[in-house]
Amino acid sequence: MIPPAVLRAFGVAAPARPLDGGQGTSWTAGGLVFKPGGGRLHEWLGRVLPGVAADGFRPAPPVRTRDGAWEHGGWSATRWVPGRAPDTASVSAWVEIIRAGRAFHRAVAHLDRPDLLDARQDAWAIADRAAWQERDLALHPQLAPVARRLLAALEPLGPAQVVHGDLTGNVLVAAGLAPAVIDISPYWRPPAYAEGVVVADALCWHGAPPSLPETVQVPVAAVARGLLFRMATTSERHAAGAVTEAALRDEARRYARAAAAIGR
């Protein structure tokens, strides 16, 4: 439950209600969305997003408290943007997600690499470094055989820039509006990598057809890198006790099926 003092700090008098999706910790009230945490990432987004020309997508910019702070009581806030999750059973939804990501990446291509990336030590940041061979790719034995096949498919993907590394569940659609790109998870990688993660998710979790990479024009090498990232994340989270043995076996089967879909 969001504390009333947090609402007051952001100038909100309306009652808050929980939002579905994400990690189940978000609330909305008074035209804002509240989440616990934020820290340096939230402050960085608050500084850079006003200088981003939103052409082809809608951002959800961070907002300050009434006294100018980016957080209060461990909570941060962004503007609420209308929209709903696209129907990922349809290939057209993946086309729209990829298109929104490309618009976002064009808009942020001028940004410098944020120093905050160096301090990240969460499972996703560690897995990203492993997927790019910046640290050992120490995978669970059930994942290692698929990883070896995927490593053989890797190729250069172009220059690095700020990218949104978790677009799959963070693009919202609304009739008559550009898609909204929310909950930005920044990495310093080629845009094709972010697209490869989307396609990897589609193949693993949403029953997308093997033709999807060709349909959205995402190279196999990008999907392979995206799969390595997701596999490394699973392995890191399993080692931390956040993924059960049963879930690991299920995810290993999904990764193998996705790898076969791209010919690996």
C-alpha atoms as a PDB file:
ATOM      1  CA  MET A   1       0.000   0.000   0.000  1.00  0.00           C
ATOM      2  CA  ILE A   2       1.331   3.416  -0.917  1.00  0.00           C
ATOM      3  CA  PRO A   3       1.657   5.677   2.171  1.00  0.00           C
ATOM      4  CA  PRO A   4      -0.620   8.754   2.193  1.00  0.00           C
ATOM      5  CA  ALA A   5       2.441  10.922   2.893  1.00  0.00           C
ATOM      6  CA  VAL A   6       3.868   9.934  -0.491  1.00  0.00           C
ATOM      7  CA  LEU A   7       0.693  11.019  -2.276  1.00  0.00           C
ATOM      8  CA  ARG A   8       0.752  14.348  -0.441  1.00  0.00           C
ATOM      9  CA  ALA A   9       4.416  14.878  -1.325  1.00  0.00           C
ATOM     10  CA  PHE A  10       3.539  14.620  -5.012  1.00  0.00           C
ATOM     11  CA  GLY A  11       0.518  16.870  -4.607  1.00  0.00           C
ATOM     12  CA  VAL A  12      -2.054  14.100  -5.031  1.00  0.00           C
ATOM     13  CA  ALA A  13      -5.278  14.091  -3.008  1.00  0.00           C
ATOM     14  CA  ALA A  14      -7.109  11.299  -4.830  1.00  0.00           C
ATOM     15  CA  PRO A  15      -7.064   7.729  -3.463  1.00  0.00           C
ATOM     16  CA  ALA A  16      -4.615   5.290  -5.043  1.00  0.00           C
ATOM     17  CA  ARG A  17      -5.466   1.978  -6.663  1.00  0.00           C
ATOM     18  CA  PRO A  18      -3.110  -0.868  -7.575  1.00  0.00           C
ATOM     19  CA  LEU A  19      -2.103  -1.479 -11.176  1.00  0.00           C
ATOM     20  CA  ASP A  20      -1.906  -4.877 -12.837  1.00  0.00           C
ATOM     21  CA  GLY A  21       1.252  -6.115 -14.490  1.00  0.00           C
ATOM     22  CA  GLY A  22       4.933  -5.606 -13.799  1.00  0.00           C
ATOM     23  CA  GLN A  23       5.984  -6.854 -10.374  1.00  0.00           C
ATOM     24  CA  GLY A  24       2.660  -5.955  -8.778  1.00  0.00           C
ATOM     25  CA  THR A  25       4.056  -2.979  -6.883  1.00  0.00           C
ATOM     26  CA  SER A  26       2.703  -0.057  -8.939  1.00  0.00           C
ATOM     27  CA  TRP A  27      -0.166   2.235  -7.965  1.00  0.00           C
ATOM     28  CA  THR A  28      -1.964   5.052  -9.750  1.00  0.00           C
ATOM     29  CA  ALA A  29      -3.596   8.204  -8.401  1.00  0.00           C
ATOM     30  CA  GLY A  30      -4.089  11.746  -9.591  1.00  0.00           C
ATOM     31  CA  GLY A  31      -2.754  11.130 -13.083  1.00  0.00           C
ATOM     32  CA  LEU A  32       0.490   9.617 -11.783  1.00  0.00           C
ATOM     33  CA  VAL A  33       1.921   6.113 -11.470  1.00  0.00           C
ATOM     34  CA  PHE A  34       3.839   5.345  -8.276  1.00  0.00           C
ATOM     35  CA  LYS A  35       6.477   2.667  -7.818  1.00  0.00           C
ATOM     36  CA  PRO A  36       8.812   1.859  -4.934  1.00  0.00           C
ATOM     37  CA  GLY A  37      12.421   2.740  -5.617  1.00  0.00           C
ATOM     38  CA  GLY A  38      13.751   4.574  -8.626  1.00  0.00           C
ATOM     39  CA  GLY A  39      17.035   5.963  -7.399  1.00  0.00           C
ATOM     40  CA  ARG A  40      19.660   7.116  -9.890  1.00  0.00           C
ATOM     41  CA  LEU A  41      17.781   5.643 -12.846  1.00  0.00           C
ATOM     42  CA  HIS A  42      14.661   7.659 -12.120  1.00  0.00           C
ATOM     43  CA  GLU A  43      16.674  10.834 -11.640  1.00  0.00           C
ATOM     44  CA  TRP A  44      18.590  10.228 -14.882  1.00  0.00           C
ATOM     45  CA  LEU A  45      15.369   9.684 -16.818  1.00  0.00           C
ATOM     46  CA  GLY A  46      13.945  12.849 -15.307  1.00  0.00           C
ATOM     47  CA  ARG A  47      16.929  14.802 -16.593  1.00  0.00           C
ATOM     48  CA  VAL A  48      17.217  13.374 -20.116  1.00  0.00           C
ATOM     49  CA  LEU A  49      13.658  12.670 -21.238  1.00  0.00           C
ATOM     50  CA  PRO A  50      12.663  16.362 -21.542  1.00  0.00           C
ATOM     51  CA  GLY A  51      15.327  16.651 -24.252  1.00  0.00           C
ATOM     52  CA  VAL A  52      14.022  13.651 -26.216  1.00  0.00           C
ATOM     53  CA  ALA A  53      11.770  14.370 -29.193  1.00  0.00           C
ATOM     54  CA  ALA A  54       8.989  11.808 -28.895  1.00  0.00           C
ATOM     55  CA  ASP A  55       8.182  11.056 -32.537  1.00  0.00           C
ATOM     56  CA  GLY A  56       6.280   7.818 -33.049  1.00  0.00           C
ATOM     57  CA  PHE A  57       5.935   6.952 -29.367  1.00  0.00           C
ATOM     58  CA  ARG A  58       4.701   8.416 -26.086  1.00  0.00           C
ATOM     59  CA  PRO A  59       6.962   8.490 -23.007  1.00  0.00           C
ATOM     60  CA  ALA A  60       5.893   8.380 -19.368  1.00  0.00           C
ATOM     61  CA  PRO A  61       8.168  11.086 -17.911  1.00  0.00           C
ATOM     62  CA  PRO A  62       9.207  11.085 -14.250  1.00  0.00           C
ATOM     63  CA  VAL A  63       7.774  13.839 -12.076  1.00  0.00           C
ATOM     64  CA  ARG A  64       9.165  15.610  -9.034  1.00  0.00           C
ATOM     65  CA  THR A  65       7.619  16.063  -5.627  1.00  0.00           C
ATOM     66  CA  ARG A  66       6.265  19.465  -4.656  1.00  0.00           C
ATOM     67  CA  ASP A  67       9.635  20.323  -3.115  1.00  0.00           C
ATOM     68  CA  GLY A  68      11.589  19.280  -6.230  1.00  0.00           C
ATOM     69  CA  ALA A  69      12.812  15.833  -5.186  1.00  0.00           C
ATOM     70  CA  TRP A  70      12.626  12.763  -7.427  1.00  0.00           C
ATOM     71  CA  GLU A  71      11.538  10.455  -4.594  1.00  0.00           C
ATOM     72  CA  HIS A  72       9.714  10.567  -1.288  1.00  0.00           C
ATOM     73  CA  GLY A  73       9.729   7.832   1.295  1.00  0.00           C
ATOM     74  CA  GLY A  74      11.297   5.399  -1.160  1.00  0.00           C
ATOM     75  CA  TRP A  75       8.629   6.003  -3.843  1.00  0.00           C
ATOM     76  CA  SER A  76       8.938   7.634  -7.270  1.00  0.00           C
ATOM     77  CA  ALA A  77       6.295   8.727  -9.766  1.00  0.00           C
ATOM     78  CA  THR A  78       5.775   9.096 -13.518  1.00  0.00           C
ATOM     79  CA  ARG A  79       2.978  10.557 -15.579  1.00  0.00           C
ATOM     80  CA  TRP A  80       0.181   8.094 -16.292  1.00  0.00           C
ATOM     81  CA  VAL A  81      -0.238   7.411 -20.004  1.00  0.00           C
ATOM     82  CA  PRO A  82      -3.374   5.815 -21.453  1.00  0.00           C
ATOM     83  CA  GLY A  83      -3.062   2.453 -23.140  1.00  0.00           C
ATOM     84  CA  ARG A  84      -3.252  -1.284 -22.747  1.00  0.00           C
ATOM     85  CA  ALA A  85      -0.939  -4.182 -23.469  1.00  0.00           C
ATOM     86  CA  PRO A  86      -1.212  -5.319 -27.099  1.00  0.00           C
ATOM     87  CA  ASP A  87      -2.640  -8.743 -27.920  1.00  0.00           C
ATOM     88  CA  THR A  88       0.591 -10.682 -28.221  1.00  0.00           C
ATOM     89  CA  ALA A  89      -1.232 -13.640 -29.771  1.00  0.00           C
ATOM     90  CA  SER A  90      -1.198 -11.586 -32.968  1.00  0.00           C
ATOM     91  CA  VAL A  91       1.920 -11.097 -35.076  1.00  0.00           C
ATOM     92  CA  SER A  92       0.780  -7.526 -35.694  1.00  0.00           C
ATOM     93  CA  ALA A  93       1.316  -6.801 -31.992  1.00  0.00           C
ATOM     94  CA  TRP A  94       4.979  -7.743 -32.291  1.00  0.00           C
ATOM     95  CA  VAL A  95       5.304  -5.566 -35.363  1.00  0.00           C
ATOM     96  CA  GLU A  96       3.920  -2.662 -33.318  1.00  0.00           C
ATOM     97  CA  ILE A  97       6.217  -3.322 -30.367  1.00  0.00           C
ATOM     98  CA  ILE A  98       9.279  -3.437 -32.601  1.00  0.00           C
ATOM     99  CA  ARG A  99       8.154  -0.283 -34.422  1.00  0.00           C
ATOM    100  CA  ALA A 100       7.683   1.556 -31.120  1.00  0.00           C
ATOM    101  CA  GLY A 101      11.122   0.436 -29.965  1.00  0.00           C
ATOM    102  CA  ARG A 102      12.704   1.700 -33.163  1.00  0.00           C
ATOM    103  CA  ALA A 103      11.032   5.081 -32.747  1.00  0.00           C
ATOM    104  CA  PHE A 104      12.258   5.258 -29.159  1.00  0.00           C
ATOM    105  CA  HIS A 105      15.807   4.282 -30.107  1.00  0.00           C
ATOM    106  CA  ARG A 106      15.956   6.889 -32.861  1.00  0.00           C
ATOM    107  CA  ALA A 107      14.869   9.514 -30.343  1.00  0.00           C
ATOM    108  CA  VAL A 108      17.501   8.625 -27.707  1.00  0.00           C
ATOM    109  CA  ALA A 109      20.409   7.938 -30.067  1.00  0.00           C
ATOM    110  CA  HIS A 110      22.056  11.230 -29.073  1.00  0.00           C
ATOM    111  CA  LEU A 111      22.249  10.426 -25.353  1.00  0.00           C
ATOM    112  CA  ASP A 112      25.580   9.734 -23.693  1.00  0.00           C
ATOM    113  CA  ARG A 113      26.186   6.490 -21.864  1.00  0.00           C
ATOM    114  CA  PRO A 114      24.831   6.874 -18.308  1.00  0.00           C
ATOM    115  CA  ASP A 115      27.357   6.161 -15.561  1.00  0.00           C
ATOM    116  CA  LEU A 116      24.659   4.468 -13.501  1.00  0.00           C
ATOM    117  CA  LEU A 117      24.959   1.369 -15.698  1.00  0.00           C
ATOM    118  CA  ASP A 118      28.333   0.569 -14.132  1.00  0.00           C
ATOM    119  CA  ALA A 119      26.824   0.322 -10.650  1.00  0.00           C
ATOM    120  CA  ARG A 120      24.077  -2.133 -11.537  1.00  0.00           C
ATOM    121  CA  GLN A 121      24.522  -5.571  -9.984  1.00  0.00           C
ATOM    122  CA  ASP A 122      21.026  -7.037 -10.358  1.00  0.00           C
ATOM    123  CA  ALA A 123      20.468 -10.343 -12.155  1.00  0.00           C
ATOM    124  CA  TRP A 124      19.498  -8.639 -15.395  1.00  0.00           C
ATOM    125  CA  ALA A 125      22.585  -6.430 -15.516  1.00  0.00           C
ATOM    126  CA  ILE A 126      24.856  -9.384 -14.738  1.00  0.00           C
ATOM    127  CA  ALA A 127      23.128 -11.489 -17.396  1.00  0.00           C
ATOM    128  CA  ASP A 128      23.467  -8.717 -19.974  1.00  0.00           C
ATOM    129  CA  ARG A 129      27.232  -8.536 -19.398  1.00  0.00           C
ATOM    130  CA  ALA A 130      27.474 -12.314 -19.670  1.00  0.00           C
ATOM    131  CA  ALA A 131      25.489 -12.334 -22.926  1.00  0.00           C
ATOM    132  CA  TRP A 132      28.059  -9.906 -24.351  1.00  0.00           C
ATOM    133  CA  GLN A 133      31.068 -11.879 -23.015  1.00  0.00           C
ATOM    134  CA  GLU A 134      32.013  -9.060 -20.657  1.00  0.00           C
ATOM    135  CA  ARG A 135      31.999 -11.664 -17.882  1.00  0.00           C
ATOM    136  CA  ASP A 136      31.899 -15.464 -17.814  1.00  0.00           C
ATOM    137  CA  LEU A 137      28.711 -16.986 -19.201  1.00  0.00           C
ATOM    138  CA  ALA A 138      28.330 -19.445 -16.320  1.00  0.00           C
ATOM    139  CA  LEU A 139      25.002 -21.101 -17.113  1.00  0.00           C
ATOM    140  CA  HIS A 140      23.132 -23.892 -15.381  1.00  0.00           C
ATOM    141  CA  PRO A 141      23.993 -27.243 -17.054  1.00  0.00           C
ATOM    142  CA  GLN A 142      20.448 -27.554 -18.435  1.00  0.00           C
ATOM    143  CA  LEU A 143      20.975 -24.329 -20.395  1.00  0.00           C
ATOM    144  CA  ALA A 144      24.555 -24.789 -21.535  1.00  0.00           C
ATOM    145  CA  PRO A 145      24.003 -26.971 -24.660  1.00  0.00           C
ATOM    146  CA  VAL A 146      21.579 -24.475 -26.210  1.00  0.00           C
ATOM    147  CA  ALA A 147      23.916 -21.617 -25.311  1.00  0.00           C
ATOM    148  CA  ARG A 148      26.787 -23.250 -27.206  1.00  0.00           C
ATOM    149  CA  ARG A 149      24.677 -23.399 -30.350  1.00  0.00           C
ATOM    150  CA  LEU A 150      23.583 -19.792 -29.945  1.00  0.00           C
ATOM    151  CA  LEU A 151      27.149 -18.563 -29.435  1.00  0.00           C
ATOM    152  CA  ALA A 152      27.990 -19.859 -32.891  1.00  0.00           C
ATOM    153  CA  ALA A 153      25.308 -17.590 -34.380  1.00  0.00           C
ATOM    154  CA  LEU A 154      26.621 -14.336 -32.925  1.00  0.00           C
ATOM    155  CA  GLU A 155      27.687 -11.512 -35.224  1.00  0.00           C
ATOM    156  CA  PRO A 156      28.290  -7.760 -34.780  1.00  0.00           C
ATOM    157  CA  LEU A 157      25.021  -5.839 -34.411  1.00  0.00           C
ATOM    158  CA  GLY A 158      26.233  -2.285 -34.913  1.00  0.00           C
ATOM    159  CA  PRO A 159      27.230   0.595 -32.633  1.00  0.00           C
ATOM    160  CA  ALA A 160      25.996   0.855 -29.072  1.00  0.00           C
ATOM    161  CA  GLN A 161      23.681   3.528 -27.712  1.00  0.00           C
ATOM    162  CA  VAL A 162      21.065   3.812 -24.972  1.00  0.00           C
ATOM    163  CA  VAL A 163      18.421   1.144 -25.569  1.00  0.00           C
ATOM    164  CA  HIS A 164      15.333  -0.076 -23.751  1.00  0.00           C
ATOM    165  CA  GLY A 165      16.201  -3.652 -22.869  1.00  0.00           C
ATOM    166  CA  ASP A 166      12.734  -4.784 -21.799  1.00  0.00           C
ATOM    167  CA  LEU A 167      10.282  -3.599 -24.418  1.00  0.00           C
ATOM    168  CA  THR A 168       8.122  -6.726 -24.498  1.00  0.00           C
ATOM    169  CA  GLY A 169       5.821  -5.839 -21.608  1.00  0.00           C
ATOM    170  CA  ASN A 170       6.380  -2.110 -21.689  1.00  0.00           C
ATOM    171  CA  VAL A 171       4.669  -0.912 -24.843  1.00  0.00           C
ATOM    172  CA  LEU A 172       1.042   0.170 -24.502  1.00  0.00           C
ATOM    173  CA  VAL A 173      -1.390   0.821 -27.346  1.00  0.00           C
ATOM    174  CA  ALA A 174      -4.405   3.111 -27.498  1.00  0.00           C
ATOM    175  CA  ALA A 175      -6.705   3.932 -30.415  1.00  0.00           C
ATOM    176  CA  GLY A 176      -5.658   7.081 -32.231  1.00  0.00           C
ATOM    177  CA  LEU A 177      -2.425   7.493 -30.246  1.00  0.00           C
ATOM    178  CA  ALA A 178       1.182   6.553 -30.807  1.00  0.00           C
ATOM    179  CA  PRO A 179       2.269   3.572 -28.690  1.00  0.00           C
ATOM    180  CA  ALA A 180       3.504   4.404 -25.211  1.00  0.00           C
ATOM    181  CA  VAL A 181       6.972   3.222 -24.151  1.00  0.00           C
ATOM    182  CA  ILE A 182       7.106   2.882 -20.363  1.00  0.00           C
ATOM    183  CA  ASP A 183       9.345   1.552 -17.569  1.00  0.00           C
ATOM    184  CA  ILE A 184      12.559   2.224 -19.465  1.00  0.00           C
ATOM    185  CA  SER A 185      15.277  -0.307 -18.625  1.00  0.00           C
ATOM    186  CA  PRO A 186      18.445   1.224 -20.095  1.00  0.00           C
ATOM    187  CA  TYR A 187      21.428  -0.654 -21.490  1.00  0.00           C
ATOM    188  CA  TRP A 188      24.306   0.515 -23.681  1.00  0.00           C
ATOM    189  CA  ARG A 189      23.921  -1.848 -26.608  1.00  0.00           C
ATOM    190  CA  PRO A 190      23.013  -1.858 -30.329  1.00  0.00           C
ATOM    191  CA  PRO A 191      19.287  -1.293 -30.929  1.00  0.00           C
ATOM    192  CA  ALA A 192      19.112  -4.637 -32.742  1.00  0.00           C
ATOM    193  CA  TYR A 193      19.895  -6.333 -29.425  1.00  0.00           C
ATOM    194  CA  ALA A 194      16.818  -4.807 -27.787  1.00  0.00           C
ATOM    195  CA  GLU A 195      14.772  -6.028 -30.738  1.00  0.00           C
ATOM    196  CA  GLY A 196      16.337  -9.478 -30.443  1.00  0.00           C
ATOM    197  CA  VAL A 197      15.202  -9.662 -26.813  1.00  0.00           C
ATOM    198  CA  VAL A 198      11.640  -8.875 -27.919  1.00  0.00           C
ATOM    199  CA  VAL A 199      11.679 -11.613 -30.554  1.00  0.00           C
ATOM    200  CA  ALA A 200      13.253 -14.049 -28.083  1.00  0.00           C
ATOM    201  CA  ASP A 201      10.423 -13.334 -25.643  1.00  0.00           C
ATOM    202  CA  ALA A 202       7.838 -13.768 -28.368  1.00  0.00           C
ATOM    203  CA  LEU A 203       9.236 -17.168 -29.373  1.00  0.00           C
ATOM    204  CA  CYS A 204       9.734 -18.398 -25.804  1.00  0.00           C
ATOM    205  CA  TRP A 205       6.611 -17.192 -24.045  1.00  0.00           C
ATOM    206  CA  HIS A 206       3.966 -16.113 -26.535  1.00  0.00           C
ATOM    207  CA  GLY A 207       3.811 -18.813 -29.180  1.00  0.00           C
ATOM    208  CA  ALA A 208       5.060 -16.577 -31.983  1.00  0.00           C
ATOM    209  CA  PRO A 209       5.738 -18.328 -35.300  1.00  0.00           C
ATOM    210  CA  PRO A 210       9.312 -19.116 -36.418  1.00  0.00           C
ATOM    211  CA  SER A 211       8.812 -16.614 -39.245  1.00  0.00           C
ATOM    212  CA  LEU A 212       8.630 -13.690 -36.791  1.00  0.00           C
ATOM    213  CA  PRO A 213      12.313 -12.639 -37.052  1.00  0.00           C
ATOM    214  CA  GLU A 214      11.934 -12.295 -40.815  1.00  0.00           C
ATOM    215  CA  THR A 215       8.565 -10.535 -40.484  1.00  0.00           C
ATOM    216  CA  VAL A 216       9.960  -7.844 -38.173  1.00  0.00           C
ATOM    217  CA  GLN A 217      13.379  -7.832 -39.883  1.00  0.00           C
ATOM    218  CA  VAL A 218      15.399  -8.700 -36.801  1.00  0.00           C
ATOM    219  CA  PRO A 219      18.554 -10.695 -37.607  1.00  0.00           C
ATOM    220  CA  VAL A 220      19.094 -14.170 -36.218  1.00  0.00           C
ATOM    221  CA  ALA A 221      22.275 -12.967 -34.486  1.00  0.00           C
ATOM    222  CA  ALA A 222      20.222 -10.423 -32.507  1.00  0.00           C
ATOM    223  CA  VAL A 223      17.685 -13.043 -31.449  1.00  0.00           C
ATOM    224  CA  ALA A 224      20.513 -15.376 -30.434  1.00  0.00           C
ATOM    225  CA  ARG A 225      22.021 -12.631 -28.275  1.00  0.00           C
ATOM    226  CA  GLY A 226      18.590 -11.906 -26.788  1.00  0.00           C
ATOM    227  CA  LEU A 227      18.112 -15.575 -25.936  1.00  0.00           C
ATOM    228  CA  LEU A 228      21.520 -15.696 -24.271  1.00  0.00           C
ATOM    229  CA  PHE A 229      20.523 -12.700 -22.169  1.00  0.00           C
ATOM    230  CA  ARG A 230      17.270 -14.324 -21.058  1.00  0.00           C
ATOM    231  CA  MET A 231      19.014 -17.642 -20.380  1.00  0.00           C
ATOM    232  CA  ALA A 232      21.719 -15.966 -18.319  1.00  0.00           C
ATOM    233  CA  THR A 233      19.017 -14.134 -16.359  1.00  0.00           C
ATOM    234  CA  THR A 234      17.242 -17.417 -15.634  1.00  0.00           C
ATOM    235  CA  SER A 235      20.521 -18.954 -14.483  1.00  0.00           C
ATOM    236  CA  GLU A 236      21.358 -15.998 -12.223  1.00  0.00           C
ATOM    237  CA  ARG A 237      17.895 -15.957 -10.679  1.00  0.00           C
ATOM    238  CA  HIS A 238      17.920 -19.729 -10.184  1.00  0.00           C
ATOM    239  CA  ALA A 239      21.249 -19.463  -8.358  1.00  0.00           C
ATOM    240  CA  ALA A 240      19.675 -16.795  -6.128  1.00  0.00           C
ATOM    241  CA  GLY A 241      16.685 -19.019  -5.345  1.00  0.00           C
ATOM    242  CA  ALA A 242      14.197 -16.916  -7.325  1.00  0.00           C
ATOM    243  CA  VAL A 243      13.574 -19.622  -9.963  1.00  0.00           C
ATOM    244  CA  THR A 244      12.545 -23.128  -8.903  1.00  0.00           C
ATOM    245  CA  GLU A 245      13.891 -26.342 -10.401  1.00  0.00           C
ATOM    246  CA  ALA A 246      10.557 -26.946 -12.126  1.00  0.00           C
ATOM    247  CA  ALA A 247      10.547 -23.440 -13.597  1.00  0.00           C
ATOM    248  CA  LEU A 248      14.136 -23.877 -14.746  1.00  0.00           C
ATOM    249  CA  ARG A 249      13.241 -27.069 -16.617  1.00  0.00           C
ATOM    250  CA  ASP A 250      10.277 -25.357 -18.242  1.00  0.00           C
ATOM    251  CA  GLU A 251      12.333 -22.350 -19.288  1.00  0.00           C
ATOM    252  CA  ALA A 252      15.124 -24.585 -20.629  1.00  0.00           C
ATOM    253  CA  ARG A 253      12.569 -26.281 -22.914  1.00  0.00           C
ATOM    254  CA  ARG A 254      11.292 -22.917 -24.090  1.00  0.00           C
ATOM    255  CA  TYR A 255      14.782 -21.648 -24.871  1.00  0.00           C
ATOM    256  CA  ALA A 256      15.592 -24.817 -26.796  1.00  0.00           C
ATOM    257  CA  ARG A 257      12.398 -24.472 -28.822  1.00  0.00           C
ATOM    258  CA  ALA A 258      13.144 -20.812 -29.590  1.00  0.00           C
ATOM    259  CA  ALA A 259      16.711 -21.652 -30.608  1.00  0.00           C
ATOM    260  CA  ALA A 260      15.395 -24.325 -32.981  1.00  0.00           C
ATOM    261  CA  ALA A 261      12.981 -21.766 -34.448  1.00  0.00           C
ATOM    262  CA  ILE A 262      15.947 -19.627 -35.548  1.00  0.00           C
ATOM    263  CA  GLY A 263      17.866 -22.638 -36.835  1.00  0.00           C
ATOM    264  CA  ARG A 264      20.042 -23.252 -33.780  1.00  0.00           C
END
